[in-house]
Protein backbone atom coordinates (compact mmCIF):
# COMPACT_ATOMS: atom_id res chain seq x y z
CA ASN A 1 -115.52 220.46 -213.68
CA ALA A 2 -115.32 221.39 -210.05
CA THR A 3 -114.74 218.73 -207.42
CA GLY A 4 -116.61 219.18 -204.14
CA TRP A 5 -115.08 218.76 -200.70
CA HIS A 6 -114.37 215.10 -199.97
CA ARG A 7 -111.94 212.64 -198.39
CA ASP A 8 -110.52 209.95 -200.67
CA LEU A 9 -110.79 207.16 -198.11
CA GLN A 10 -114.56 207.56 -197.99
CA LEU A 11 -114.73 206.93 -201.74
CA VAL A 12 -112.09 204.24 -202.29
CA PRO A 13 -113.07 200.63 -201.53
CA LEU A 14 -109.83 199.67 -199.79
CA ASP A 15 -109.20 198.41 -196.28
CA THR A 16 -106.08 200.35 -195.33
CA ARG A 17 -106.01 199.28 -191.67
CA GLY A 18 -105.97 202.82 -190.44
CA ARG A 19 -103.59 205.55 -191.47
CA GLY A 20 -101.65 204.04 -194.37
CA TYR A 21 -103.22 205.74 -197.41
CA VAL A 22 -101.64 208.61 -199.36
CA THR A 23 -102.95 210.11 -202.62
CA PHE A 24 -100.53 211.59 -205.16
CA TRP A 25 -101.87 213.97 -207.82
CA CYS A 26 -99.54 214.61 -210.78
CA PRO A 27 -100.05 216.55 -214.04
CA TYR A 28 -98.80 214.66 -217.07
CA GLU A 29 -99.55 216.60 -220.24
CA ARG A 30 -98.49 220.17 -219.49
CA PRO A 31 -97.31 222.23 -216.51
CA LEU A 32 -100.06 223.81 -214.43
CA GLY A 33 -99.76 227.42 -213.34
CA GLU A 34 -101.60 230.67 -212.82
CA GLY A 35 -105.20 230.34 -214.04
CA ASP A 36 -105.38 226.56 -213.66
CA SER A 37 -107.57 224.83 -211.11
CA PHE A 38 -105.57 223.19 -208.30
CA LEU A 39 -106.55 221.02 -205.39
CA HIS A 40 -107.26 222.99 -202.21
CA PHE A 41 -106.45 221.20 -198.95
CA ALA A 42 -107.98 221.69 -195.49
CA VAL A 43 -104.86 221.60 -193.31
CA GLY A 44 -105.22 219.22 -190.35
CA SER A 45 -108.62 217.87 -191.41
CA GLN A 46 -107.26 214.31 -191.53
CA ARG A 47 -107.34 214.36 -187.70
CA ASP A 48 -111.04 215.34 -187.56
CA ILE A 49 -112.59 211.95 -188.35
CA GLY A 50 -115.94 212.79 -186.68
CA PHE A 51 -116.67 215.82 -188.90
CA GLU A 52 -119.32 214.12 -191.06
CA TYR A 53 -120.98 212.59 -188.00
CA TRP A 54 -121.51 216.02 -186.44
CA TYR A 55 -122.01 218.22 -189.50
CA GLY A 56 -123.16 216.01 -192.40
CA ASN A 57 -122.14 215.94 -196.05
CA PRO A 58 -118.90 217.95 -196.54
CA GLU A 59 -119.84 218.89 -200.14
CA LYS A 60 -122.50 221.19 -198.68
CA LEU A 61 -120.29 222.56 -195.89
CA GLY A 62 -117.54 224.44 -197.73
CA PRO A 63 -117.91 227.61 -195.60
CA LEU A 64 -117.67 225.58 -192.37
CA ILE A 65 -114.60 223.71 -193.63
CA ALA A 66 -112.98 227.02 -194.64
CA ALA A 67 -113.74 228.51 -191.20
CA ARG A 68 -112.52 225.44 -189.31
CA TYR A 69 -109.22 224.79 -191.14
CA ALA A 70 -106.52 226.75 -192.93
CA ILE A 71 -106.94 226.17 -196.67
CA THR A 72 -103.82 225.79 -198.80
CA ARG A 73 -102.91 224.93 -202.38
CA VAL A 74 -99.83 224.83 -204.56
CA ALA A 75 -99.20 227.69 -207.00
CA SER A 76 -97.78 225.62 -209.86
CA LEU A 77 -96.82 222.08 -210.84
CA ASP A 78 -94.47 221.03 -213.62
CA VAL A 79 -94.93 217.74 -215.40
CA GLY A 80 -93.39 215.20 -213.04
CA ASP A 81 -94.23 217.22 -209.89
CA CYS A 82 -96.90 215.86 -207.55
CA THR A 83 -98.94 216.83 -204.56
CA ALA A 84 -99.46 214.25 -201.80
CA HIS A 85 -102.09 214.13 -199.09
CA ASP A 86 -103.37 211.77 -196.42
CA GLY A 87 -106.46 209.81 -197.48
CA TRP A 88 -108.53 211.46 -194.72
CA THR A 89 -107.66 215.05 -195.76
CA PHE A 90 -110.57 217.14 -197.00
CA HIS A 91 -109.81 218.60 -200.43
CA THR A 92 -111.64 220.26 -203.30
CA ALA A 93 -110.93 221.84 -206.68
CA PRO A 94 -112.70 224.80 -208.27
CA PRO A 95 -113.78 224.57 -211.91
CA GLN A 96 -111.09 224.84 -214.58
CA ASP A 97 -111.27 227.93 -216.79
CA PRO A 98 -112.12 226.51 -220.25
CA SER A 99 -109.84 229.06 -221.95
CA ARG A 100 -106.86 227.40 -220.20
CA GLY A 101 -107.63 224.01 -221.73
CA ALA A 102 -108.10 220.79 -219.83
CA ARG A 103 -105.88 219.99 -216.88
CA LYS A 104 -104.90 216.38 -217.06
CA ALA A 105 -103.44 214.62 -214.07
CA VAL A 106 -103.15 211.12 -212.74
CA ALA A 107 -104.01 210.32 -209.15
CA PHE A 108 -102.65 207.22 -207.49
CA CYS A 109 -102.62 205.91 -203.98
CA VAL A 110 -100.22 203.96 -201.81
CA GLU A 111 -100.81 202.10 -198.60
């Protein structure tokens, strides 16, 4: 399934005392490559803490997020590779193509 635009720190019930939260996302069953769904990151969005105050729910504002920030993603991940992002970074993932099989990854956070 697709994952809408969100920031992890708005969804995780932790008091991180500010800027100390990083999410790692790591595939564990098979490498991910062309045709798989990857996280897309809005570069620099972790510095725009007032976004939701001014514009509302980010899940409904994908075009605004794409116009406001550069969007990046990785092209492939081997088992054991990880992405890492600040807990305030907007990110999303498009739906996985069912013909590729499930993408299985573990996400964990550090403060």
